N, C-alpha and C. Protein backbone atom coordinates (compact mmCIF):
# COMPACT_ATOMS: atom_id res chain seq x y z
N MET A 1 0.85 -1.17 0.00
CA MET A 1 0.00 0.00 0.00
C MET A 1 0.89 1.23 0.00
N GLU A 2 0.61 2.17 -0.86
CA GLU A 2 1.44 3.36 -0.97
C GLU A 2 0.56 4.60 -0.89
N THR A 3 1.01 5.57 -0.09
CA THR A 3 0.29 6.84 -0.01
C THR A 3 1.16 7.90 -0.64
N ASN A 4 0.73 9.13 -0.53
CA ASN A 4 1.46 10.23 -1.14
C ASN A 4 2.88 10.36 -0.62
N ASN A 5 3.03 10.37 0.69
CA ASN A 5 4.32 10.68 1.29
C ASN A 5 4.96 9.49 2.00
N THR A 6 4.21 8.46 2.26
CA THR A 6 4.77 7.32 2.99
C THR A 6 4.43 6.03 2.28
N GLU A 7 5.25 5.02 2.58
CA GLU A 7 5.01 3.68 2.03
C GLU A 7 5.08 2.72 3.19
N VAL A 8 4.09 1.83 3.29
CA VAL A 8 4.06 0.89 4.39
C VAL A 8 4.79 -0.37 3.95
N VAL A 9 5.78 -0.75 4.69
CA VAL A 9 6.56 -1.95 4.41
C VAL A 9 5.90 -3.10 5.16
N GLU A 10 6.29 -4.34 4.84
CA GLU A 10 5.66 -5.51 5.43
C GLU A 10 5.71 -5.50 6.95
N SER A 11 6.67 -4.87 7.55
CA SER A 11 6.77 -4.84 9.01
C SER A 11 5.85 -3.79 9.63
N GLN A 12 5.02 -3.15 8.81
CA GLN A 12 4.04 -2.15 9.23
C GLN A 12 4.69 -0.87 9.75
N GLU A 13 5.93 -0.62 9.46
CA GLU A 13 6.57 0.64 9.82
C GLU A 13 6.53 1.54 8.61
N PRO A 14 6.08 2.80 8.79
CA PRO A 14 6.00 3.69 7.64
C PRO A 14 7.40 4.13 7.20
N VAL A 15 7.55 4.25 5.91
CA VAL A 15 8.78 4.77 5.34
C VAL A 15 8.41 6.09 4.69
N ILE A 16 9.10 7.15 5.07
CA ILE A 16 8.78 8.48 4.57
C ILE A 16 9.55 8.69 3.27
N ASN A 17 8.81 8.88 2.17
CA ASN A 17 9.43 9.12 0.87
C ASN A 17 9.74 10.59 0.67
N ASP A 18 8.86 11.49 1.21
CA ASP A 18 9.05 12.93 1.02
C ASP A 18 9.00 13.62 2.39
N PRO A 19 10.13 13.65 3.12
CA PRO A 19 10.12 14.23 4.46
C PRO A 19 9.79 15.72 4.47
N LYS A 20 10.15 16.41 3.42
CA LYS A 20 9.88 17.85 3.36
C LYS A 20 8.37 18.12 3.35
N ALA A 21 7.62 17.32 2.61
CA ALA A 21 6.16 17.48 2.56
C ALA A 21 5.53 17.16 3.91
N VAL A 22 6.06 16.17 4.59
CA VAL A 22 5.54 15.82 5.91
C VAL A 22 5.80 16.95 6.89
N LEU A 23 6.99 17.54 6.86
CA LEU A 23 7.30 18.66 7.74
C LEU A 23 6.43 19.88 7.44
N GLU A 24 6.18 20.13 6.17
CA GLU A 24 5.30 21.24 5.79
C GLU A 24 3.88 21.00 6.30
N ALA A 25 3.41 19.77 6.17
CA ALA A 25 2.07 19.42 6.68
C ALA A 25 2.02 19.59 8.18
N LEU A 26 3.10 19.19 8.87
CA LEU A 26 3.15 19.34 10.32
C LEU A 26 3.16 20.82 10.71
N ASP A 27 3.91 21.64 10.00
CA ASP A 27 3.92 23.08 10.27
C ASP A 27 2.54 23.70 10.05
N ARG A 28 1.86 23.29 8.96
CA ARG A 28 0.50 23.78 8.71
C ARG A 28 -0.44 23.37 9.84
N ALA A 29 -0.31 22.14 10.29
CA ALA A 29 -1.16 21.65 11.38
C ALA A 29 -0.89 22.43 12.67
N LYS A 30 0.39 22.72 12.94
CA LYS A 30 0.73 23.51 14.13
C LYS A 30 0.16 24.91 14.03
N ASN A 31 0.30 25.54 12.86
CA ASN A 31 -0.23 26.88 12.67
C ASN A 31 -1.75 26.91 12.81
N ASP A 32 -2.41 25.89 12.22
CA ASP A 32 -3.87 25.80 12.34
C ASP A 32 -4.28 25.63 13.80
N ALA A 33 -3.56 24.76 14.51
CA ALA A 33 -3.88 24.52 15.92
C ALA A 33 -3.69 25.80 16.73
N LYS A 34 -2.61 26.55 16.45
CA LYS A 34 -2.36 27.80 17.15
C LYS A 34 -3.46 28.81 16.85
N LYS A 35 -3.86 28.90 15.58
CA LYS A 35 -4.91 29.83 15.18
C LYS A 35 -6.23 29.47 15.87
N PHE A 36 -6.57 28.18 15.90
CA PHE A 36 -7.81 27.76 16.54
C PHE A 36 -7.76 27.97 18.05
N ARG A 37 -6.59 27.76 18.66
CA ARG A 37 -6.44 27.99 20.10
C ARG A 37 -6.63 29.47 20.41
N GLU A 38 -6.05 30.36 19.60
CA GLU A 38 -6.20 31.80 19.81
C GLU A 38 -7.65 32.22 19.61
N GLU A 39 -8.31 31.68 18.60
CA GLU A 39 -9.73 32.00 18.39
C GLU A 39 -10.57 31.51 19.56
N LYS A 40 -10.26 30.31 20.08
CA LYS A 40 -11.00 29.77 21.21
C LYS A 40 -10.83 30.65 22.44
N GLU A 41 -9.58 31.10 22.70
CA GLU A 41 -9.33 31.97 23.84
C GLU A 41 -10.07 33.30 23.69
N LYS A 42 -10.09 33.84 22.47
CA LYS A 42 -10.80 35.10 22.23
C LYS A 42 -12.30 34.91 22.46
N LEU A 43 -12.85 33.80 21.99
CA LEU A 43 -14.27 33.52 22.19
C LEU A 43 -14.59 33.32 23.67
N GLU A 44 -13.69 32.67 24.40
CA GLU A 44 -13.92 32.48 25.84
C GLU A 44 -13.92 33.82 26.56
N ILE A 45 -13.01 34.71 26.17
CA ILE A 45 -12.97 36.05 26.78
C ILE A 45 -14.26 36.80 26.47
N ASP A 46 -14.71 36.72 25.22
CA ASP A 46 -15.97 37.37 24.84
C ASP A 46 -17.14 36.80 25.62
N LEU A 47 -17.16 35.48 25.75
CA LEU A 47 -18.25 34.83 26.48
C LEU A 47 -18.24 35.25 27.95
N ASN A 48 -17.07 35.28 28.56
CA ASN A 48 -16.98 35.71 29.96
C ASN A 48 -17.41 37.16 30.12
N SER A 49 -17.05 37.99 29.15
CA SER A 49 -17.46 39.39 29.19
C SER A 49 -18.98 39.50 29.11
N LYS A 50 -19.58 38.74 28.22
CA LYS A 50 -21.05 38.75 28.08
C LYS A 50 -21.70 38.23 29.35
N ASP A 51 -21.15 37.15 29.91
CA ASP A 51 -21.71 36.62 31.16
C ASP A 51 -21.65 37.65 32.28
N GLN A 52 -20.55 38.38 32.34
CA GLN A 52 -20.40 39.41 33.36
C GLN A 52 -21.42 40.53 33.17
N LYS A 53 -21.64 40.93 31.92
CA LYS A 53 -22.64 41.97 31.65
C LYS A 53 -24.03 41.49 32.03
N ILE A 54 -24.34 40.24 31.70
CA ILE A 54 -25.65 39.68 32.06
C ILE A 54 -25.81 39.66 33.58
N ALA A 55 -24.76 39.27 34.28
CA ALA A 55 -24.82 39.24 35.75
C ALA A 55 -25.03 40.65 36.31
N ASP A 56 -24.34 41.63 35.72
CA ASP A 56 -24.50 43.01 36.19
C ASP A 56 -25.93 43.50 35.98
N PHE A 57 -26.46 43.28 34.78
CA PHE A 57 -27.83 43.72 34.50
C PHE A 57 -28.84 42.97 35.35
N SER A 58 -28.60 41.69 35.56
CA SER A 58 -29.50 40.90 36.39
C SER A 58 -29.48 41.41 37.83
N GLY A 59 -28.30 41.77 38.32
CA GLY A 59 -28.20 42.33 39.68
C GLY A 59 -28.92 43.65 39.81
N ARG A 60 -28.79 44.50 38.80
CA ARG A 60 -29.49 45.79 38.83
C ARG A 60 -31.00 45.59 38.77
N LEU A 61 -31.44 44.66 37.92
CA LEU A 61 -32.87 44.39 37.82
C LEU A 61 -33.40 43.85 39.14
N LEU A 62 -32.64 42.95 39.76
CA LEU A 62 -33.05 42.40 41.04
C LEU A 62 -33.15 43.50 42.09
N GLN A 63 -32.17 44.38 42.12
CA GLN A 63 -32.19 45.51 43.06
C GLN A 63 -33.43 46.38 42.86
N GLU A 64 -33.72 46.72 41.62
CA GLU A 64 -34.89 47.56 41.33
C GLU A 64 -36.20 46.87 41.70
N LYS A 65 -36.30 45.58 41.39
CA LYS A 65 -37.52 44.84 41.74
C LYS A 65 -37.70 44.77 43.25
N ILE A 66 -36.60 44.58 43.99
CA ILE A 66 -36.68 44.53 45.45
C ILE A 66 -37.14 45.89 45.99
N LEU A 67 -36.54 46.96 45.47
CA LEU A 67 -36.93 48.29 45.94
C LEU A 67 -38.39 48.59 45.64
N GLN A 68 -38.86 48.17 44.46
CA GLN A 68 -40.27 48.37 44.13
C GLN A 68 -41.18 47.61 45.09
N LYS A 69 -40.80 46.38 45.41
CA LYS A 69 -41.62 45.57 46.31
C LYS A 69 -41.64 46.19 47.71
N LEU A 70 -40.48 46.63 48.19
CA LEU A 70 -40.44 47.24 49.52
C LEU A 70 -41.23 48.55 49.55
N SER A 71 -41.17 49.30 48.46
CA SER A 71 -41.96 50.54 48.38
C SER A 71 -43.44 50.23 48.40
N SER A 72 -43.82 49.17 47.70
CA SER A 72 -45.24 48.80 47.67
C SER A 72 -45.73 48.32 49.03
N GLU A 73 -44.80 47.91 49.89
CA GLU A 73 -45.16 47.50 51.25
C GLU A 73 -45.29 48.72 52.17
N GLY A 74 -45.00 49.91 51.66
CA GLY A 74 -45.20 51.12 52.44
C GLY A 74 -43.95 51.69 53.09
N LEU A 75 -42.80 51.16 52.76
CA LEU A 75 -41.57 51.68 53.34
C LEU A 75 -41.17 52.96 52.63
N LYS A 76 -40.80 53.98 53.42
CA LYS A 76 -40.42 55.26 52.83
C LYS A 76 -39.03 55.22 52.22
N ASP A 77 -38.09 54.57 52.86
CA ASP A 77 -36.71 54.49 52.37
C ASP A 77 -36.32 53.02 52.25
N PRO A 78 -36.75 52.36 51.19
CA PRO A 78 -36.52 50.91 51.08
C PRO A 78 -35.05 50.52 50.96
N LYS A 79 -34.19 51.43 50.54
CA LYS A 79 -32.77 51.10 50.40
C LYS A 79 -32.15 50.72 51.74
N ARG A 80 -32.68 51.26 52.82
CA ARG A 80 -32.16 50.95 54.15
C ARG A 80 -32.40 49.50 54.55
N PHE A 81 -33.41 48.87 53.96
CA PHE A 81 -33.80 47.54 54.39
C PHE A 81 -33.33 46.43 53.46
N VAL A 82 -32.74 46.81 52.33
CA VAL A 82 -32.25 45.80 51.39
C VAL A 82 -31.15 44.96 52.02
N LYS A 83 -30.38 45.56 52.92
CA LYS A 83 -29.26 44.83 53.53
C LYS A 83 -29.73 43.68 54.41
N TYR A 84 -30.99 43.66 54.79
CA TYR A 84 -31.52 42.58 55.62
C TYR A 84 -32.00 41.39 54.78
N LEU A 85 -31.95 41.52 53.47
CA LEU A 85 -32.38 40.44 52.58
C LEU A 85 -31.18 39.64 52.11
N ASP A 86 -31.35 38.33 52.00
CA ASP A 86 -30.31 37.46 51.49
C ASP A 86 -30.52 37.29 49.99
N ARG A 87 -29.75 38.04 49.21
CA ARG A 87 -29.94 38.05 47.76
C ARG A 87 -29.54 36.73 47.12
N THR A 88 -28.73 35.93 47.81
CA THR A 88 -28.33 34.64 47.23
C THR A 88 -29.49 33.66 47.18
N LYS A 89 -30.53 33.91 47.96
CA LYS A 89 -31.71 33.03 47.97
C LYS A 89 -32.80 33.53 47.04
N LEU A 90 -32.53 34.60 46.30
CA LEU A 90 -33.52 35.16 45.39
C LEU A 90 -33.14 34.82 43.96
N GLU A 91 -34.16 34.54 43.14
CA GLU A 91 -33.93 34.29 41.72
C GLU A 91 -35.17 34.70 40.94
N PHE A 92 -35.01 34.80 39.63
CA PHE A 92 -36.11 35.19 38.76
C PHE A 92 -36.80 33.97 38.18
N ASN A 93 -38.11 34.09 37.98
CA ASN A 93 -38.81 33.07 37.21
C ASN A 93 -38.88 33.52 35.75
N ASP A 94 -39.62 32.81 34.92
CA ASP A 94 -39.68 33.13 33.49
C ASP A 94 -40.34 34.48 33.23
N ASP A 95 -41.19 34.94 34.15
CA ASP A 95 -41.86 36.23 33.99
C ASP A 95 -41.10 37.37 34.65
N LEU A 96 -39.85 37.11 35.05
CA LEU A 96 -38.99 38.08 35.72
C LEU A 96 -39.56 38.55 37.07
N GLU A 97 -40.31 37.68 37.70
CA GLU A 97 -40.76 37.93 39.06
C GLU A 97 -39.77 37.28 40.01
N ILE A 98 -39.59 37.88 41.17
CA ILE A 98 -38.59 37.38 42.12
C ILE A 98 -39.19 36.25 42.95
N ILE A 99 -38.49 35.13 42.96
CA ILE A 99 -38.88 33.98 43.77
C ILE A 99 -38.10 34.04 45.07
N GLY A 100 -38.80 33.93 46.20
CA GLY A 100 -38.16 33.90 47.51
C GLY A 100 -38.22 35.22 48.26
N LEU A 101 -38.67 36.27 47.61
CA LEU A 101 -38.71 37.58 48.27
C LEU A 101 -39.84 37.66 49.29
N ASP A 102 -40.99 37.10 48.96
CA ASP A 102 -42.13 37.18 49.88
C ASP A 102 -41.82 36.51 51.22
N GLU A 103 -41.12 35.37 51.17
CA GLU A 103 -40.78 34.67 52.41
C GLU A 103 -39.85 35.53 53.27
N GLN A 104 -38.90 36.17 52.63
CA GLN A 104 -37.97 37.01 53.39
C GLN A 104 -38.67 38.26 53.94
N LEU A 105 -39.63 38.79 53.19
CA LEU A 105 -40.38 39.94 53.69
C LEU A 105 -41.21 39.56 54.92
N GLU A 106 -41.77 38.36 54.92
CA GLU A 106 -42.53 37.90 56.08
C GLU A 106 -41.63 37.82 57.31
N GLU A 107 -40.39 37.35 57.11
CA GLU A 107 -39.44 37.32 58.22
C GLU A 107 -39.11 38.73 58.70
N LEU A 108 -38.94 39.66 57.76
CA LEU A 108 -38.68 41.05 58.15
C LEU A 108 -39.87 41.63 58.92
N LYS A 109 -41.07 41.30 58.50
CA LYS A 109 -42.26 41.80 59.19
C LYS A 109 -42.33 41.26 60.61
N LYS A 110 -41.87 40.02 60.80
CA LYS A 110 -41.84 39.45 62.15
C LYS A 110 -40.76 40.11 63.00
N ASP A 111 -39.60 40.35 62.38
CA ASP A 111 -38.48 40.93 63.12
C ASP A 111 -38.65 42.43 63.38
N PHE A 112 -39.27 43.14 62.44
CA PHE A 112 -39.43 44.59 62.54
C PHE A 112 -40.89 44.98 62.31
N PRO A 113 -41.79 44.60 63.20
CA PRO A 113 -43.21 44.92 62.97
C PRO A 113 -43.48 46.43 62.97
N GLU A 114 -42.67 47.18 63.70
CA GLU A 114 -42.89 48.62 63.77
C GLU A 114 -42.62 49.31 62.44
N ILE A 115 -41.87 48.67 61.57
CA ILE A 115 -41.56 49.27 60.27
C ILE A 115 -42.73 49.09 59.31
N PHE A 116 -43.38 47.96 59.40
CA PHE A 116 -44.43 47.64 58.44
C PHE A 116 -45.83 48.00 58.93
N ASP A 117 -46.00 48.26 60.23
CA ASP A 117 -47.31 48.60 60.78
C ASP A 117 -47.48 50.12 60.70
N ALA A 118 -48.44 50.56 59.90
CA ALA A 118 -48.63 52.00 59.66
C ALA A 118 -49.00 52.74 60.95
N LYS A 119 -49.78 52.12 61.84
CA LYS A 119 -50.18 52.78 63.07
C LYS A 119 -48.98 53.08 63.95
N VAL A 120 -48.09 52.12 64.05
CA VAL A 120 -46.91 52.30 64.89
C VAL A 120 -45.96 53.30 64.24
N ARG A 121 -45.85 53.24 62.91
CA ARG A 121 -44.96 54.16 62.20
C ARG A 121 -45.43 55.60 62.37
N VAL A 122 -46.72 55.85 62.28
CA VAL A 122 -47.24 57.21 62.37
C VAL A 122 -47.27 57.69 63.81
N GLY A 123 -47.80 56.89 64.72
CA GLY A 123 -47.99 57.31 66.10
C GLY A 123 -46.78 57.06 66.97
N GLY A 124 -45.98 56.11 66.59
CA GLY A 124 -44.83 55.76 67.41
C GLY A 124 -45.25 54.98 68.63
N GLN A 125 -44.31 54.67 69.46
CA GLN A 125 -44.60 53.93 70.68
C GLN A 125 -44.16 54.75 71.89
N ALA A 126 -44.37 56.03 71.83
CA ALA A 126 -43.90 56.91 72.90
C ALA A 126 -44.59 56.62 74.22
N ASP A 127 -45.86 56.24 74.19
CA ASP A 127 -46.60 56.05 75.43
C ASP A 127 -46.77 54.59 75.81
N THR A 128 -46.08 53.69 75.19
CA THR A 128 -46.29 52.27 75.49
C THR A 128 -45.75 51.89 76.86
N ALA A 129 -44.78 52.62 77.37
CA ALA A 129 -44.24 52.29 78.69
C ALA A 129 -45.19 52.72 79.80
N VAL A 130 -46.01 53.72 79.56
CA VAL A 130 -46.94 54.21 80.57
C VAL A 130 -48.29 53.55 80.33
N LYS A 131 -48.60 52.57 81.15
CA LYS A 131 -49.87 51.85 81.00
C LYS A 131 -50.86 52.21 82.11
N ALA A 132 -50.44 53.09 83.02
CA ALA A 132 -51.31 53.45 84.14
C ALA A 132 -52.44 54.33 83.66
N SER A 133 -53.57 54.09 84.22
CA SER A 133 -54.71 54.93 83.87
C SER A 133 -54.78 56.09 84.85
N VAL A 134 -55.17 57.21 84.38
CA VAL A 134 -55.30 58.39 85.22
C VAL A 134 -56.77 58.50 85.59
N VAL A 135 -57.07 57.98 86.79
CA VAL A 135 -58.45 57.98 87.24
C VAL A 135 -58.69 59.12 88.22
N THR A 136 -57.81 59.28 89.17
CA THR A 136 -57.98 60.27 90.21
C THR A 136 -56.99 61.40 90.00
N GLN A 137 -57.49 62.60 90.05
CA GLN A 137 -56.60 63.75 89.98
C GLN A 137 -56.43 64.28 91.39
N TYR A 138 -55.20 64.49 91.77
CA TYR A 138 -54.90 64.99 93.11
C TYR A 138 -54.55 66.46 93.01
N SER A 139 -54.90 67.16 94.07
CA SER A 139 -54.53 68.58 94.13
C SER A 139 -53.08 68.67 94.56
N ALA A 140 -52.52 69.84 94.44
CA ALA A 140 -51.13 70.03 94.81
C ALA A 140 -50.93 69.78 96.30
N SER A 141 -51.89 70.18 97.13
CA SER A 141 -51.79 69.97 98.58
C SER A 141 -51.81 68.48 98.90
N GLU A 142 -52.66 67.71 98.23
CA GLU A 142 -52.74 66.27 98.47
C GLU A 142 -51.43 65.57 98.06
N MET A 143 -50.84 66.00 96.97
CA MET A 143 -49.59 65.39 96.53
C MET A 143 -48.46 65.73 97.50
N GLN A 144 -48.46 66.99 98.03
CA GLN A 144 -47.41 67.37 98.99
C GLN A 144 -47.57 66.59 100.30
N ALA A 145 -48.77 66.41 100.71
CA ALA A 145 -49.03 65.66 101.95
C ALA A 145 -48.63 64.21 101.79
N ALA A 146 -48.91 63.63 100.63
CA ALA A 146 -48.55 62.22 100.39
C ALA A 146 -47.04 62.08 100.37
N LYS A 147 -46.37 63.04 99.84
CA LYS A 147 -44.91 62.98 99.78
C LYS A 147 -44.29 63.09 101.16
N ILE A 148 -44.84 63.97 101.99
CA ILE A 148 -44.34 64.14 103.36
C ILE A 148 -44.57 62.88 104.17
N LEU A 149 -45.71 62.25 103.96
CA LEU A 149 -46.04 61.05 104.72
C LEU A 149 -45.40 59.79 104.12
N GLY A 150 -44.76 59.92 102.94
CA GLY A 150 -44.07 58.79 102.30
C GLY A 150 -45.00 57.84 101.59
N LYS A 151 -46.15 58.33 101.20
CA LYS A 151 -47.10 57.49 100.48
C LYS A 151 -46.95 57.74 98.99
N LYS A 152 -47.19 56.69 98.22
CA LYS A 152 -47.17 56.82 96.76
C LYS A 152 -48.57 57.05 96.26
N ILE A 153 -48.67 57.98 95.40
CA ILE A 153 -49.98 58.26 94.81
C ILE A 153 -50.04 57.66 93.44
C-alpha cells in the first residue's frame, strides 16, 4: 500500500518518501492549531465578558424589583432595608418575578413589625411604657401631703 508521502513496508513501519512534505504538513497543522487555540481563547474572553454583563444587569434588575416591592409595602426608604435580605436566595422566574422575596419579607415583618405597621410608624410607641390609667386627679396639697407622709400616689 502506498500513499502520497509514505510507504508501508511488510513490518508495518512507515517509510517516509518525502520528508519535506511531511514537515510542511506538520507546520500547517501547528499553525492551524495555534490559530484555533487563539480563536478559542478570544471567544472564551468574549463569552466571559457577556456573562459578566448579564450578571450586572441581572443584579441591577433584582435591586430595582426589590426596591419596588419594599416601596409597595409602604416603606419610605426601602434602600435601608435591602441589607436585611439574602440576595443569594432570590432568583427570577420566566416572567422576571422574584422567587423567595415574599418569604424574606414575612421574616422582616416578624423581626421589625414597627416598620411595616402603619399605626406604629405614624404614632410611634412613645406612650407604650406608661400603661397606668389616670383615674384620680390629686390637688397640689394632696400630693405634697402624700410625699411628706411617704405614700405613693
